[in-house]
C-alpha cells in the first residue's frame, strides 16, 4: 500500500475535523494526537499550513489552517512533474538528454552545470524546466494542461514562468490527486514516462 505525501514548497498543504463519540477507540485517540501534533509543528514554525495525504482513494488532511486544502496556489516546483511528462510524451526531450548550462550565474550553484531532466528534477533547476517549456510551446502546453485538467488550467501568454508566478494555480488537494495518479501510472501519458 502506498502512502503519498506532498509537501509543496509554498507551505500550503491539508485536516479533517474530528469529533469523537463518547467511547473513543485507541486508534481514534492516536489519530487525534497525530492531528494535534502536526498542527503544533506548523505553529512552532510560525507558519500556517496544511498537510494533505492520500491513502488509496481517501484524502486525509492535517495542519493548523485547514482552509488551505481547497485554496489555490501557484504550483511552483511541483509543476516540473507535468512539464517533464508533456515534454517526454511529445518528444521535446528524452530522459538521457543533457541540458547544457549556458554559463550564466544562477540563483543556486547546483543549477550551474549540465544536467538531465532527472538531475534537474532533483536540483529543482528552474532554468532547465523553463527551456523545456519553451520547446513545448504555449499552444501545446495549454492543450496538455487542459487535457490533464491540472489546477485552474490557465497558463496565460508566457510559456516559461506561468507555474512560478501565475496564472496557473492548483489546490493542495488537486495536487495530491495528480501525484497519486502519477504514482499509480494512471495519467494519460505513456506508462514508461510515469515511472
Protein backbone atom coordinates (compact mmCIF):
# COMPACT_ATOMS: atom_id res chain seq x y z
CA UNK A 1 0.00 0.00 0.00
CA UNK A 2 1.41 3.36 -0.99
CA UNK A 3 1.04 6.48 1.07
CA UNK A 4 1.61 9.61 -0.92
CA UNK A 5 2.68 12.74 0.86
CA UNK A 6 3.10 16.04 -0.92
CA UNK A 7 4.83 18.93 0.79
CA UNK A 8 4.76 21.83 -1.69
CA UNK A 9 7.36 24.50 -1.11
CA UNK A 10 4.75 27.19 -0.65
CA UNK A 11 3.72 25.69 2.70
CA UNK A 12 0.13 25.15 1.71
CA UNK A 13 -0.57 21.61 2.38
CA UNK A 14 -4.41 19.75 4.41
CA UNK A 15 -7.12 18.11 8.31
CA UNK A 16 -10.34 16.51 8.89
CA UNK A 17 -12.22 17.98 11.78
CA UNK A 18 -12.52 15.30 14.39
CA UNK A 19 -15.38 14.85 16.77
CA UNK A 20 -15.25 11.73 18.87
CA UNK A 21 -18.11 9.75 20.22
CA UNK A 22 -18.11 9.25 23.97
CA UNK A 23 -16.48 5.82 23.63
CA UNK A 24 -13.41 6.60 21.53
CA UNK A 25 -11.20 3.78 20.33
CA UNK A 26 -7.41 3.85 20.84
CA UNK A 27 -6.90 4.36 17.08
CA UNK A 28 -9.19 7.41 17.13
CA UNK A 29 -7.27 8.85 20.07
CA UNK A 30 -3.95 8.24 18.29
CA UNK A 31 -5.34 9.93 15.18
CA UNK A 32 -6.36 12.99 17.19
CA UNK A 33 -2.96 13.08 18.88
CA UNK A 34 -1.27 12.97 15.46
CA UNK A 35 -3.56 15.70 14.20
CA UNK A 36 -2.74 17.92 17.15
CA UNK A 37 0.99 17.20 16.88
CA UNK A 38 1.09 18.18 13.20
CA UNK A 39 -0.85 21.38 13.86
CA UNK A 40 1.60 22.18 16.67
CA UNK A 41 4.57 21.74 14.29
CA UNK A 42 3.12 24.35 11.94
CA UNK A 43 2.52 26.65 14.92
CA UNK A 44 6.09 26.20 16.15
CA UNK A 45 7.38 27.08 12.69
CA UNK A 46 5.21 30.21 12.83
CA UNK A 47 3.62 29.10 9.59
CA UNK A 48 0.05 28.50 8.52
CA UNK A 49 -0.26 25.28 6.61
CA UNK A 50 -1.96 22.06 5.79
CA UNK A 51 -0.59 18.59 5.04
CA UNK A 52 -2.61 16.53 2.55
CA UNK A 53 -2.17 12.76 2.40
CA UNK A 54 -3.91 10.34 0.06
CA UNK A 55 -4.04 6.69 1.07
CA UNK A 56 -5.79 4.57 -1.54
CA UNK A 57 -8.72 6.82 -2.50
CA UNK A 58 -9.10 8.51 0.88
CA UNK A 59 -7.79 12.04 1.44
CA UNK A 60 -6.61 12.96 4.93
CA UNK A 61 -5.68 16.49 5.92
CA UNK A 62 -3.70 17.81 8.89
CA UNK A 63 -2.38 21.20 9.94
CA UNK A 64 -3.27 24.49 11.54
CA UNK A 65 -5.03 26.15 8.58
CA UNK A 66 -7.34 23.59 7.02
CA UNK A 67 -8.92 26.17 4.71
CA UNK A 68 -5.78 25.87 2.58
CA UNK A 69 -6.80 22.38 1.46
CA UNK A 70 -9.04 23.83 -1.26
CA UNK A 71 -7.32 27.20 -1.72
CA UNK A 72 -5.42 27.77 -4.96
CA UNK A 73 -1.68 28.46 -5.11
CA UNK A 74 0.85 28.57 -7.92
CA UNK A 75 2.26 25.07 -8.29
CA UNK A 76 5.87 26.32 -8.40
CA UNK A 77 8.36 23.44 -8.46
CA UNK A 78 5.68 20.77 -8.31
CA UNK A 79 4.76 21.63 -11.93
CA UNK A 80 8.07 20.13 -13.04
CA UNK A 81 6.41 16.70 -12.96
CA UNK A 82 3.75 17.61 -15.53
CA UNK A 83 6.22 19.71 -17.54
CA UNK A 84 8.52 16.67 -17.84
CA UNK A 85 5.65 14.33 -18.75
CA UNK A 86 4.47 16.64 -21.53
CA UNK A 87 7.98 17.13 -22.87
CA UNK A 88 8.77 13.41 -22.87
CA UNK A 89 5.39 12.38 -24.31
CA UNK A 90 5.74 14.80 -27.22
CA UNK A 91 9.42 14.15 -27.94
CA UNK A 92 10.61 17.59 -26.81
CA UNK A 93 13.26 15.92 -24.63
CA UNK A 94 14.49 12.46 -23.68
CA UNK A 95 15.36 11.02 -20.30
CA UNK A 96 19.05 10.83 -21.23
CA UNK A 97 19.35 14.22 -22.92
CA UNK A 98 21.82 16.63 -21.38
CA UNK A 99 20.55 20.19 -20.98
CA UNK A 100 23.59 22.40 -21.37
CA UNK A 101 24.27 25.13 -18.83
CA UNK A 102 24.71 28.45 -20.65
CA UNK A 103 27.45 29.62 -18.29
CA UNK A 104 25.28 32.33 -16.70
CA UNK A 105 25.14 32.85 -12.95
CA UNK A 106 22.09 31.10 -11.49
CA UNK A 107 20.15 31.52 -8.26
CA UNK A 108 21.79 28.37 -6.90
CA UNK A 109 25.24 26.93 -7.59
CA UNK A 110 23.65 23.48 -8.05
CA UNK A 111 21.98 24.82 -11.21
CA UNK A 112 25.30 25.88 -12.75
CA UNK A 113 26.09 22.70 -14.66
CA UNK A 114 24.85 20.49 -17.48
CA UNK A 115 22.14 18.05 -16.37
CA UNK A 116 19.47 15.62 -17.48
CA UNK A 117 15.78 16.14 -16.70
CA UNK A 118 16.12 13.74 -13.76
CA UNK A 119 19.09 15.61 -12.35
CA UNK A 120 17.25 18.89 -12.91
CA UNK A 121 14.24 17.49 -11.03
CA UNK A 122 16.44 16.56 -8.06
CA UNK A 123 18.09 20.00 -8.05
CA UNK A 124 14.76 21.75 -8.72
CA UNK A 125 16.58 23.52 -11.56
CA UNK A 126 14.08 26.05 -12.87
CA UNK A 127 16.18 27.06 -15.94
CA UNK A 128 16.11 23.51 -17.35
CA UNK A 129 12.33 23.30 -17.00
CA UNK A 130 11.92 26.77 -18.48
CA UNK A 131 13.89 25.59 -21.52
CA UNK A 132 11.70 22.50 -21.77
CA UNK A 133 8.55 24.65 -21.57
CA UNK A 134 9.84 26.85 -24.42
CA UNK A 135 10.40 23.72 -26.51
CA UNK A 136 6.86 22.53 -25.76
CA UNK A 137 5.43 25.90 -26.73
CA UNK A 138 2.44 27.84 -25.49
CA UNK A 139 -0.25 26.14 -27.58
CA UNK A 140 0.74 22.54 -26.83
CA UNK A 141 1.35 23.35 -23.16
CA UNK A 142 -2.13 24.87 -22.83
CA UNK A 143 -3.72 21.88 -24.58
CA UNK A 144 -1.96 19.41 -22.29
CA UNK A 145 -2.68 21.30 -19.06
CA UNK A 146 -6.36 21.31 -20.06
CA UNK A 147 -6.32 17.66 -21.17
CA UNK A 148 -4.90 16.59 -17.81
CA UNK A 149 -7.19 19.07 -16.01
CA UNK A 150 -4.31 20.40 -13.93
CA UNK A 151 -5.46 23.02 -11.42
CA UNK A 152 -7.32 26.00 -12.87
CA UNK A 153 -5.91 25.11 -16.33
CA UNK A 154 -4.90 28.72 -17.15
CA UNK A 155 -1.31 29.25 -18.28
CA UNK A 156 -1.58 32.75 -19.72
CA UNK A 157 0.66 34.03 -22.50
CA UNK A 158 4.19 33.35 -21.21
CA UNK A 159 5.19 29.72 -21.51
CA UNK A 160 8.25 29.75 -19.25
CA UNK A 161 7.00 31.08 -15.91
CA UNK A 162 3.22 30.59 -15.55
CA UNK A 163 3.75 27.90 -12.88
CA UNK A 164 6.00 30.22 -10.86
CA UNK A 165 4.05 33.49 -10.92
CA UNK A 166 0.64 32.50 -12.27
CA UNK A 167 -1.88 32.45 -13.69
CA UNK A 168 -1.74 28.65 -13.24
CA UNK A 169 -2.94 27.69 -9.76
CA UNK A 170 -3.81 24.43 -8.05
CA UNK A 171 -5.14 23.39 -4.65
CA UNK A 172 -3.16 21.08 -2.37
CA UNK A 173 -5.97 18.52 -2.69
CA UNK A 174 -5.79 18.63 -6.51
CA UNK A 175 -2.01 18.37 -6.34
CA UNK A 176 -2.16 15.22 -4.20
CA UNK A 177 -4.73 13.67 -6.55
CA UNK A 178 -2.42 14.41 -9.51
CA UNK A 179 0.63 12.90 -7.77
CA UNK A 180 -1.38 9.87 -6.68
CA UNK A 181 -2.50 9.21 -10.26
CA UNK A 182 1.11 9.62 -11.41
CA UNK A 183 2.38 7.17 -8.78
CA UNK A 184 -0.21 4.62 -9.94
CA UNK A 185 0.72 5.33 -13.59
CA UNK A 186 -2.89 6.35 -14.29
CA UNK A 187 -2.30 9.67 -16.02
CA UNK A 188 -2.99 9.89 -19.76
CA UNK A 189 0.71 9.53 -20.66
CA UNK A 190 2.78 6.55 -21.75
CA UNK A 191 3.45 4.43 -18.63
CA UNK A 192 7.21 4.50 -19.32
CA UNK A 193 7.24 8.23 -18.57
CA UNK A 194 5.29 7.82 -15.31
CA UNK A 195 7.88 5.61 -13.61
